[in-house]
Amino acid sequence: MLTVLLVIHVLVTIGLIGIVLIQKSEGGALGIGGGGGGMGGFMTGRSTANLLTRTTAILAALFMGLSLAIAVISTQGREKTSILDSAETPAVTAPAPVQEEAPKEPETPAAPVAE
C-alpha cells in the first residue's frame, strides 16, 4: 500500500511541477503558457489561466493529502520510542592519574677520549 501511495505521490509531484512551469509568470517573460489566444485559439488567455490555477490547486491538495497519508501509514506498527531513551549513556570515568616522578637529572655527555 505504501509503495502504491509513493508512486502516485511521485506522479502528482511531476504533474504539479509541470503545471506550475507552464503557467504564465507575472514578470511576463518566463512563462510559456497562457499567452494571448494560447493553445492555438482553443481557449482564451483568461480561461487558460483559470484552468491552470484550478489544476494547480487540485494537484497541491492531492500532494498534501498524499504526504499526510504516507506519513501516517509509515508510522503504523512501529514501537513508539524516543531517541533519548535509546541512546546509550557513556560510562563516566575519571581521568587517568598523573604519575608524579622526580625530574631526571640530565646526563652529562661523555667526553671524547684523547689518544
N, C-alpha and C. Protein backbone atom coordinates (compact mmCIF):
# COMPACT_ATOMS: atom_id res chain seq x y z
N MET A 1 0.82 -1.19 0.00
CA MET A 1 0.00 0.00 0.00
C MET A 1 0.86 1.25 0.00
N LEU A 2 1.93 1.22 0.79
CA LEU A 2 2.81 2.37 0.87
C LEU A 2 3.51 2.60 -0.47
N THR A 3 3.88 1.53 -1.14
CA THR A 3 4.54 1.67 -2.44
C THR A 3 3.60 2.30 -3.46
N VAL A 4 2.34 1.89 -3.46
CA VAL A 4 1.36 2.48 -4.39
C VAL A 4 1.20 3.96 -4.12
N LEU A 5 1.09 4.33 -2.83
CA LEU A 5 0.96 5.74 -2.49
C LEU A 5 2.20 6.55 -2.90
N LEU A 6 3.36 5.95 -2.73
CA LEU A 6 4.59 6.64 -3.13
C LEU A 6 4.65 6.87 -4.64
N VAL A 7 4.22 5.88 -5.42
CA VAL A 7 4.22 6.03 -6.88
C VAL A 7 3.23 7.12 -7.30
N ILE A 8 2.03 7.11 -6.70
CA ILE A 8 1.04 8.15 -7.00
C ILE A 8 1.57 9.51 -6.58
N HIS A 9 2.23 9.57 -5.45
CA HIS A 9 2.81 10.82 -4.96
C HIS A 9 3.84 11.38 -5.93
N VAL A 10 4.68 10.51 -6.47
CA VAL A 10 5.69 10.96 -7.43
C VAL A 10 5.02 11.49 -8.70
N LEU A 11 3.97 10.79 -9.18
CA LEU A 11 3.26 11.24 -10.38
C LEU A 11 2.57 12.58 -10.16
N VAL A 12 1.95 12.75 -8.99
CA VAL A 12 1.31 14.03 -8.67
C VAL A 12 2.37 15.14 -8.58
N THR A 13 3.51 14.82 -8.02
CA THR A 13 4.58 15.80 -7.90
C THR A 13 5.08 16.23 -9.27
N ILE A 14 5.29 15.29 -10.16
CA ILE A 14 5.74 15.63 -11.51
C ILE A 14 4.69 16.46 -12.24
N GLY A 15 3.41 16.09 -12.08
CA GLY A 15 2.33 16.86 -12.69
C GLY A 15 2.27 18.28 -12.13
N LEU A 16 2.44 18.42 -10.83
CA LEU A 16 2.41 19.74 -10.20
C LEU A 16 3.55 20.61 -10.70
N ILE A 17 4.73 20.03 -10.82
CA ILE A 17 5.88 20.78 -11.34
C ILE A 17 5.61 21.22 -12.77
N GLY A 18 5.08 20.32 -13.59
CA GLY A 18 4.79 20.67 -14.99
C GLY A 18 3.75 21.77 -15.12
N ILE A 19 2.68 21.68 -14.33
CA ILE A 19 1.62 22.69 -14.39
C ILE A 19 2.14 24.05 -13.94
N VAL A 20 2.95 24.06 -12.90
CA VAL A 20 3.49 25.34 -12.43
C VAL A 20 4.43 25.94 -13.48
N LEU A 21 5.19 25.10 -14.15
CA LEU A 21 6.14 25.62 -15.13
C LEU A 21 5.46 26.17 -16.39
N ILE A 22 4.27 25.68 -16.76
CA ILE A 22 3.65 26.19 -17.98
C ILE A 22 2.76 27.39 -17.73
N GLN A 23 2.60 27.78 -16.47
CA GLN A 23 1.80 28.96 -16.19
C GLN A 23 2.56 30.22 -16.59
N LYS A 24 1.82 31.22 -16.98
CA LYS A 24 2.43 32.48 -17.36
C LYS A 24 2.89 33.19 -16.10
N SER A 25 4.13 33.65 -16.13
CA SER A 25 4.66 34.33 -14.96
C SER A 25 4.14 35.75 -14.92
N GLU A 26 4.14 36.31 -13.73
CA GLU A 26 3.69 37.69 -13.60
C GLU A 26 4.73 38.65 -14.13
N GLY A 27 5.97 38.19 -14.24
CA GLY A 27 7.01 39.01 -14.83
C GLY A 27 6.83 39.14 -16.32
N GLY A 28 6.15 38.20 -16.93
CA GLY A 28 5.83 38.28 -18.35
C GLY A 28 6.77 37.54 -19.25
N ALA A 29 8.04 37.39 -18.91
CA ALA A 29 8.98 36.84 -19.86
C ALA A 29 9.31 35.37 -19.63
N LEU A 30 9.00 34.83 -18.48
CA LEU A 30 9.47 33.49 -18.18
C LEU A 30 8.46 32.39 -18.51
N GLY A 31 7.19 32.65 -18.43
CA GLY A 31 6.19 31.61 -18.65
C GLY A 31 5.99 31.33 -20.13
N ILE A 32 5.64 30.08 -20.46
CA ILE A 32 5.39 29.74 -21.86
C ILE A 32 3.92 29.50 -22.12
N GLY A 33 3.12 29.41 -21.07
CA GLY A 33 1.70 29.13 -21.26
C GLY A 33 0.85 30.35 -21.02
N GLY A 34 -0.40 30.28 -21.44
CA GLY A 34 -1.37 31.30 -21.12
C GLY A 34 -1.25 32.58 -21.91
N GLY A 35 -0.53 32.58 -23.02
CA GLY A 35 -0.38 33.80 -23.80
C GLY A 35 -1.68 34.16 -24.51
N GLY A 36 -1.67 35.24 -25.29
CA GLY A 36 -2.87 35.67 -25.99
C GLY A 36 -3.34 34.62 -26.97
N GLY A 37 -4.53 34.10 -26.78
CA GLY A 37 -5.06 33.06 -27.66
C GLY A 37 -4.27 31.78 -27.58
N GLY A 38 -3.78 31.45 -26.42
CA GLY A 38 -2.93 30.28 -26.23
C GLY A 38 -3.62 28.99 -26.65
N MET A 39 -2.83 27.97 -26.84
CA MET A 39 -3.26 26.63 -27.26
C MET A 39 -3.95 26.68 -28.62
N GLY A 40 -3.43 27.47 -29.52
CA GLY A 40 -3.94 27.51 -30.88
C GLY A 40 -5.34 28.08 -31.00
N GLY A 41 -5.71 28.99 -30.13
CA GLY A 41 -7.02 29.60 -30.20
C GLY A 41 -8.11 28.75 -29.58
N PHE A 42 -7.77 27.62 -28.98
CA PHE A 42 -8.77 26.74 -28.36
C PHE A 42 -9.40 27.40 -27.14
N MET A 43 -8.56 28.04 -26.33
CA MET A 43 -9.05 28.69 -25.13
C MET A 43 -8.49 30.11 -25.09
N THR A 44 -9.22 30.99 -24.47
CA THR A 44 -8.71 32.36 -24.34
C THR A 44 -7.67 32.40 -23.23
N GLY A 45 -6.98 33.51 -23.12
CA GLY A 45 -5.95 33.66 -22.09
C GLY A 45 -6.51 33.53 -20.69
N ARG A 46 -7.69 34.10 -20.46
CA ARG A 46 -8.29 34.05 -19.13
C ARG A 46 -8.73 32.63 -18.78
N SER A 47 -9.34 31.93 -19.69
CA SER A 47 -9.80 30.57 -19.38
C SER A 47 -8.63 29.62 -19.20
N THR A 48 -7.55 29.85 -19.93
CA THR A 48 -6.35 29.03 -19.75
C THR A 48 -5.77 29.25 -18.36
N ALA A 49 -5.71 30.51 -17.95
CA ALA A 49 -5.18 30.82 -16.62
C ALA A 49 -6.07 30.22 -15.54
N ASN A 50 -7.40 30.28 -15.71
CA ASN A 50 -8.31 29.69 -14.72
C ASN A 50 -8.12 28.18 -14.65
N LEU A 51 -7.98 27.53 -15.80
CA LEU A 51 -7.79 26.08 -15.83
C LEU A 51 -6.48 25.70 -15.13
N LEU A 52 -5.41 26.42 -15.42
CA LEU A 52 -4.13 26.10 -14.81
C LEU A 52 -4.15 26.38 -13.30
N THR A 53 -4.83 27.44 -12.90
CA THR A 53 -4.93 27.75 -11.47
C THR A 53 -5.70 26.67 -10.73
N ARG A 54 -6.82 26.24 -11.30
CA ARG A 54 -7.61 25.19 -10.66
C ARG A 54 -6.85 23.87 -10.63
N THR A 55 -6.18 23.54 -11.72
CA THR A 55 -5.40 22.31 -11.76
C THR A 55 -4.28 22.35 -10.73
N THR A 56 -3.62 23.50 -10.58
CA THR A 56 -2.57 23.64 -9.57
C THR A 56 -3.13 23.43 -8.17
N ALA A 57 -4.30 24.02 -7.91
CA ALA A 57 -4.90 23.88 -6.58
C ALA A 57 -5.28 22.43 -6.29
N ILE A 58 -5.81 21.75 -7.28
CA ILE A 58 -6.20 20.34 -7.09
C ILE A 58 -4.97 19.47 -6.86
N LEU A 59 -3.94 19.66 -7.69
CA LEU A 59 -2.72 18.87 -7.52
C LEU A 59 -2.02 19.19 -6.20
N ALA A 60 -2.06 20.44 -5.77
CA ALA A 60 -1.45 20.80 -4.48
C ALA A 60 -2.20 20.13 -3.33
N ALA A 61 -3.53 20.10 -3.42
CA ALA A 61 -4.32 19.44 -2.38
C ALA A 61 -4.04 17.94 -2.36
N LEU A 62 -3.93 17.32 -3.54
CA LEU A 62 -3.57 15.90 -3.61
C LEU A 62 -2.18 15.65 -3.03
N PHE A 63 -1.26 16.54 -3.35
CA PHE A 63 0.11 16.41 -2.85
C PHE A 63 0.13 16.43 -1.32
N MET A 64 -0.57 17.39 -0.73
CA MET A 64 -0.60 17.49 0.73
C MET A 64 -1.32 16.29 1.35
N GLY A 65 -2.43 15.87 0.75
CA GLY A 65 -3.15 14.71 1.27
C GLY A 65 -2.33 13.44 1.21
N LEU A 66 -1.65 13.23 0.08
CA LEU A 66 -0.79 12.06 -0.04
C LEU A 66 0.38 12.12 0.93
N SER A 67 0.93 13.30 1.14
CA SER A 67 2.05 13.43 2.08
C SER A 67 1.61 13.04 3.49
N LEU A 68 0.44 13.51 3.89
CA LEU A 68 -0.07 13.15 5.21
C LEU A 68 -0.38 11.66 5.31
N ALA A 69 -0.99 11.10 4.26
CA ALA A 69 -1.32 9.68 4.28
C ALA A 69 -0.06 8.82 4.36
N ILE A 70 0.97 9.19 3.62
CA ILE A 70 2.23 8.43 3.66
C ILE A 70 2.86 8.53 5.04
N ALA A 71 2.81 9.71 5.65
CA ALA A 71 3.38 9.88 6.99
C ALA A 71 2.64 9.03 8.02
N VAL A 72 1.32 8.98 7.93
CA VAL A 72 0.53 8.21 8.89
C VAL A 72 0.75 6.72 8.68
N ILE A 73 0.71 6.27 7.43
CA ILE A 73 0.85 4.83 7.16
C ILE A 73 2.25 4.33 7.49
N SER A 74 3.26 5.16 7.26
CA SER A 74 4.63 4.70 7.52
C SER A 74 4.93 4.58 9.00
N THR A 75 4.16 5.26 9.85
CA THR A 75 4.42 5.16 11.30
C THR A 75 3.56 4.11 11.99
N GLN A 76 2.61 3.51 11.29
CA GLN A 76 1.79 2.47 11.90
C GLN A 76 2.60 1.21 12.11
N GLY A 77 2.36 0.56 13.24
CA GLY A 77 3.03 -0.69 13.52
C GLY A 77 4.42 -0.53 14.10
N ARG A 78 4.82 0.68 14.35
CA ARG A 78 6.13 0.89 14.94
C ARG A 78 6.00 1.07 16.44
N GLU A 79 7.02 0.65 17.12
CA GLU A 79 7.05 0.85 18.56
C GLU A 79 7.45 2.30 18.83
N LYS A 80 6.68 2.95 19.67
CA LYS A 80 6.98 4.35 19.96
C LYS A 80 8.17 4.42 20.91
N THR A 81 9.24 4.95 20.41
CA THR A 81 10.45 5.09 21.22
C THR A 81 10.96 6.52 21.07
N SER A 82 11.79 6.87 21.98
CA SER A 82 12.40 8.18 21.95
C SER A 82 13.88 8.02 21.67
N ILE A 83 14.43 8.97 20.98
CA ILE A 83 15.87 8.93 20.71
C ILE A 83 16.63 9.03 22.02
N LEU A 84 16.11 9.82 22.93
CA LEU A 84 16.79 9.99 24.20
C LEU A 84 16.78 8.72 25.03
N ASP A 85 15.72 7.92 24.90
CA ASP A 85 15.64 6.67 25.65
C ASP A 85 16.58 5.61 25.08
N SER A 86 16.77 5.62 23.78
CA SER A 86 17.57 4.58 23.15
C SER A 86 19.06 4.90 23.15
N ALA A 87 19.42 6.13 23.40
CA ALA A 87 20.84 6.49 23.39
C ALA A 87 21.51 5.92 24.63
N GLU A 88 22.62 5.27 24.38
CA GLU A 88 23.37 4.71 25.50
C GLU A 88 24.22 5.81 26.11
N THR A 89 24.17 5.90 27.43
CA THR A 89 24.99 6.91 28.09
C THR A 89 26.39 6.37 28.25
N PRO A 90 27.37 7.13 27.88
CA PRO A 90 28.75 6.64 28.02
C PRO A 90 29.13 6.55 29.50
N ALA A 91 29.95 5.59 29.80
CA ALA A 91 30.39 5.41 31.17
C ALA A 91 31.28 6.59 31.56
N VAL A 92 31.01 7.14 32.72
CA VAL A 92 31.80 8.28 33.19
C VAL A 92 33.00 7.72 33.92
N THR A 93 34.16 8.07 33.43
CA THR A 93 35.39 7.59 34.06
C THR A 93 36.23 8.79 34.46
N ALA A 94 36.98 8.57 35.50
CA ALA A 94 37.87 9.63 35.97
C ALA A 94 39.08 9.68 35.04
N PRO A 95 39.69 10.84 34.94
CA PRO A 95 40.88 10.90 34.10
C PRO A 95 42.00 10.04 34.67
N ALA A 96 42.89 9.64 33.82
CA ALA A 96 43.99 8.79 34.25
C ALA A 96 44.82 9.54 35.30
N PRO A 97 45.24 8.82 36.34
CA PRO A 97 46.05 9.50 37.38
C PRO A 97 47.40 9.93 36.82
N VAL A 98 47.83 11.07 37.28
CA VAL A 98 49.13 11.59 36.84
C VAL A 98 50.19 11.03 37.77
N GLN A 99 51.20 10.39 37.17
CA GLN A 99 52.27 9.81 37.98
C GLN A 99 53.30 10.90 38.22
N GLU A 100 53.53 11.12 39.48
CA GLU A 100 54.48 12.17 39.83
C GLU A 100 55.84 11.53 40.02
N GLU A 101 56.71 11.78 39.08
CA GLU A 101 58.08 11.28 39.17
C GLU A 101 58.99 12.47 39.36
N ALA A 102 60.06 12.23 40.04
CA ALA A 102 61.05 13.29 40.22
C ALA A 102 61.71 13.53 38.87
N PRO A 103 61.95 14.79 38.54
CA PRO A 103 62.60 15.05 37.25
C PRO A 103 63.97 14.40 37.22
N LYS A 104 64.32 13.84 36.10
CA LYS A 104 65.60 13.17 35.95
C LYS A 104 66.67 14.21 35.71
N GLU A 105 67.82 13.90 36.26
CA GLU A 105 68.97 14.77 36.04
C GLU A 105 69.46 14.56 34.63
N PRO A 106 69.77 15.63 33.93
CA PRO A 106 70.29 15.44 32.58
C PRO A 106 71.63 14.74 32.64
N GLU A 107 71.80 13.82 31.72
CA GLU A 107 73.05 13.07 31.68
C GLU A 107 74.11 13.94 31.03
N THR A 108 75.28 13.86 31.61
CA THR A 108 76.37 14.64 31.03
C THR A 108 76.96 13.82 29.90
N PRO A 109 77.20 14.46 28.77
CA PRO A 109 77.74 13.71 27.65
C PRO A 109 79.17 13.25 27.96
N ALA A 110 79.48 12.09 27.49
CA ALA A 110 80.81 11.56 27.70
C ALA A 110 81.80 12.35 26.85
N ALA A 111 82.90 12.73 27.47
CA ALA A 111 83.91 13.48 26.74
C ALA A 111 84.67 12.53 25.84
N PRO A 112 85.04 12.99 24.66
CA PRO A 112 85.80 12.09 23.78
C PRO A 112 87.15 11.73 24.41
N VAL A 113 87.54 10.55 24.20
CA VAL A 113 88.78 10.03 24.75
C VAL A 113 89.94 10.53 23.88
N ALA A 114 90.91 11.18 24.52
CA ALA A 114 92.05 11.70 23.77
C ALA A 114 93.07 10.59 23.66
N GLU A 115 93.57 10.36 22.48
CA GLU A 115 94.56 9.30 22.30
C GLU A 115 95.88 9.82 21.91
